[in-house]
C-alpha atoms as a PDB file:
ATOM      1  CA  MET A   1       6.949  10.616   0.697  1.00  0.00           C
ATOM      2  CA  SER A   2       9.089  12.468  -1.859  1.00  0.00           C
ATOM      3  CA  ASP A   3      11.802  10.954  -3.892  1.00  0.00           C
ATOM      4  CA  ALA A   4      14.441  13.219  -2.017  1.00  0.00           C
ATOM      5  CA  ASN A   5      13.210  11.859   1.348  1.00  0.00           C
ATOM      6  CA  LEU A   6      13.431   8.281   0.201  1.00  0.00           C
ATOM      7  CA  GLY A   7      16.802   8.771  -1.003  1.00  0.00           C
ATOM      8  CA  THR A   8      17.852  10.371   2.499  1.00  0.00           C
ATOM      9  CA  GLN A   9      16.155   7.518   4.262  1.00  0.00           C
ATOM     10  CA  TRP A  10      18.138   4.929   2.327  1.00  0.00           C
ATOM     11  CA  ALA A  11      21.407   6.928   2.867  1.00  0.00           C
ATOM     12  CA  HIS A  12      20.601   6.782   6.598  1.00  0.00           C
ATOM     13  CA  VAL A  13      19.965   3.007   6.461  1.00  0.00           C
ATOM     14  CA  ARG A  14      23.164   2.398   4.615  1.00  0.00           C
ATOM     15  CA  ALA A  15      25.082   4.653   7.163  1.00  0.00           C
ATOM     16  CA  THR A  16      23.757   2.694  10.081  1.00  0.00           C
ATOM     17  CA  ARG A  17      23.740  -0.879   8.621  1.00  0.00           C
ATOM     18  CA  TYR A  18      26.234  -2.269  11.291  1.00  0.00           C
ATOM     19  CA  SER A  19      25.428  -2.576  14.938  1.00  0.00           C
ATOM     20  CA  LYS A  20      27.426  -0.588  17.376  1.00  0.00           C
ATOM     21  CA  THR A  21      27.720  -3.667  19.468  1.00  0.00           C
ATOM     22  CA  PRO A  22      31.331  -5.229  18.903  1.00  0.00           C
ATOM     23  CA  PRO A  23      31.144  -8.890  17.221  1.00  0.00           C
ATOM     24  CA  PRO A  24      31.858 -11.910  19.350  1.00  0.00           C
ATOM     25  CA  GLU A  25      35.561 -12.791  19.482  1.00  0.00           C
ATOM     26  CA  ASP A  26      35.246 -16.118  17.765  1.00  0.00           C
ATOM     27  CA  TRP A  27      33.740 -14.350  14.658  1.00  0.00           C
ATOM     28  CA  PRO A  28      36.026 -14.076  11.571  1.00  0.00           C
ATOM     29  CA  SER A  29      38.050 -10.842  11.386  1.00  0.00           C
ATOM     30  CA  GLY A  30      36.116  -8.035   9.710  1.00  0.00           C
ATOM     31  CA  VAL A  31      32.690  -9.405  10.113  1.00  0.00           C
ATOM     32  CA  MET A  32      30.168  -7.035  11.772  1.00  0.00           C
ATOM     33  CA  PRO A  33      26.826  -7.609  13.232  1.00  0.00           C
ATOM     34  CA  ILE A  34      23.997  -6.096  11.321  1.00  0.00           C
ATOM     35  CA  SER A  35      21.825  -3.377  13.018  1.00  0.00           C
ATOM     36  CA  LEU A  36      18.026  -3.442  12.999  1.00  0.00           C
ATOM     37  CA  GLU A  37      17.866  -0.583  10.526  1.00  0.00           C
ATOM     38  CA  GLY A  38      20.438  -2.659   8.465  1.00  0.00           C
ATOM     39  CA  LEU A  39      18.030  -5.551   8.051  1.00  0.00           C
ATOM     40  CA  SER A  40      16.191  -3.244   5.556  1.00  0.00           C
ATOM     41  CA  LEU A  41      19.005  -3.858   3.076  1.00  0.00           C
ATOM     42  CA  LEU A  42      18.242  -7.625   2.720  1.00  0.00           C
ATOM     43  CA  GLY A  43      15.870  -8.354  -0.127  1.00  0.00           C
ATOM     44  CA  LEU A  44      14.280 -11.374  -1.485  1.00  0.00           C
ATOM     45  CA  ASP A  45      13.236 -11.814  -5.117  1.00  0.00           C
ATOM     46  CA  PRO A  46       9.919 -13.423  -4.946  1.00  0.00           C
ATOM     47  CA  LYS A  47      10.243 -14.902  -8.515  1.00  0.00           C
ATOM     48  CA  THR A  48      13.510 -16.723  -7.890  1.00  0.00           C
ATOM     49  CA  ASN A  49      13.784 -16.731  -4.149  1.00  0.00           C
ATOM     50  CA  ARG A  50      17.209 -15.312  -4.303  1.00  0.00           C
ATOM     51  CA  LEU A  51      18.519 -13.354  -1.494  1.00  0.00           C
ATOM     52  CA  TYR A  52      19.928  -9.801  -1.856  1.00  0.00           C
ATOM     53  CA  TRP A  53      22.072  -7.484   0.252  1.00  0.00           C
ATOM     54  CA  ASP A  54      21.642  -3.649  -0.877  1.00  0.00           C
ATOM     55  CA  GLY A  55      20.820  -4.742  -4.172  1.00  0.00           C
ATOM     56  CA  LYS A  56      23.731  -7.250  -4.834  1.00  0.00           C
ATOM     57  CA  GLU A  57      22.862 -11.016  -4.938  1.00  0.00           C
ATOM     58  CA  LEU A  58      24.327 -13.032  -2.107  1.00  0.00           C
ATOM     59  CA  GLN A  59      26.338 -16.079  -3.273  1.00  0.00           C
ATOM     60  CA  ILE A  60      24.989 -19.263  -1.529  1.00  0.00           C
ATOM     61  CA  LYS A  61      27.224 -22.278  -1.418  1.00  0.00           C
ATOM     62  CA  ARG A  62      25.323 -25.185  -2.502  1.00  0.00           C
ATOM     63  CA  ARG A  63      27.778 -27.975  -2.624  1.00  0.00           C
ATOM     64  CA  LEU A  64      28.774 -30.688  -0.254  1.00  0.00           C
ATOM     65  CA  ASP A  65      31.885 -30.584   1.693  1.00  0.00           C
ATOM     66  CA  TRP A  66      34.121 -33.628   1.842  1.00  0.00           C
ATOM     67  CA  PRO A  67      32.557 -35.328   4.923  1.00  0.00           C
ATOM     68  CA  GLU A  68      29.004 -35.103   3.291  1.00  0.00           C
ATOM     69  CA  ARG A  69      30.463 -36.492   0.044  1.00  0.00           C
ATOM     70  CA  ILE A  70      31.959 -39.532   1.764  1.00  0.00           C
ATOM     71  CA  LEU A  71      28.756 -40.145   3.618  1.00  0.00           C
ATOM     72  CA  ALA A  72      26.665 -39.934   0.386  1.00  0.00           C
ATOM     73  CA  ALA A  73      29.131 -42.267  -1.393  1.00  0.00           C
ATOM     74  CA  ILE A  74      28.764 -44.724   1.510  1.00  0.00           C
ATOM     75  CA  VAL A  75      25.009 -44.462   1.347  1.00  0.00           C
ATOM     76  CA  ALA A  76      24.890 -44.879  -2.444  1.00  0.00           C
ATOM     77  CA  LEU A  77      27.276 -47.918  -2.367  1.00  0.00           C
ATOM     78  CA  SER A  78      25.102 -49.520   0.433  1.00  0.00           C
ATOM     79  CA  GLY A  79      21.966 -49.100  -1.621  1.00  0.00           C
ATOM     80  CA  LEU A  80      23.603 -50.452  -4.665  1.00  0.00           C
ATOM     81  CA  THR A  81      24.979 -53.527  -2.794  1.00  0.00           C
ATOM     82  CA  LEU A  82      21.638 -54.341  -1.273  1.00  0.00           C
ATOM     83  CA  ALA A  83      19.872 -53.939  -4.663  1.00  0.00           C
ATOM     84  CA  VAL A  84      22.558 -56.478  -6.218  1.00  0.00           C
ATOM     85  CA  ILE A  85      21.866 -58.852  -3.309  1.00  0.00           C
ATOM     86  CA  GLU A  86      18.043 -58.877  -3.887  1.00  0.00           C
ATOM     87  CA  ILE A  87      18.363 -59.145  -7.519  1.00  0.00           C
ATOM     88  CA  GLY A  88      20.608 -62.156  -7.053  1.00  0.00           C
ATOM     89  CA  ARG A  89      18.298 -63.553  -4.528  1.00  0.00           C
ATOM     90  CA  VAL A  90      15.351 -63.208  -6.980  1.00  0.00           C
ATOM     91  CA  ALA A  91      17.233 -64.611  -9.975  1.00  0.00           C
ATOM     92  CA  LYS A  92      18.516 -67.498  -7.746  1.00  0.00           C
ATOM     93  CA  TRP A  93      22.260 -66.843  -8.577  1.00  0.00           C
ATOM     94  CA  TRP A  94      23.020 -67.963  -5.133  1.00  0.00           C
ATOM     95  CA  THR A  95      21.359 -70.049  -2.560  1.00  0.00           C
END
């Protein structure tokens, strides 16, 4: 396939990247479903495993939200408390 045909093919994929099916009503405003041809615009860098859309890196949120933070703090404090109890038991700080 020539470079001109490849350019035309990618132009077609970009032009038809969204599905003609309307999005569900509970989706945020402006979010459109991807067409099968539009999936060709997703890419993955095998060295870094980073995800790209039409050559632009997608930003992935990697932090915990407040409920997960509270749960993580409770688990950490529980583990620390159990460790102190067991150390005290071994050291015979209490009977």
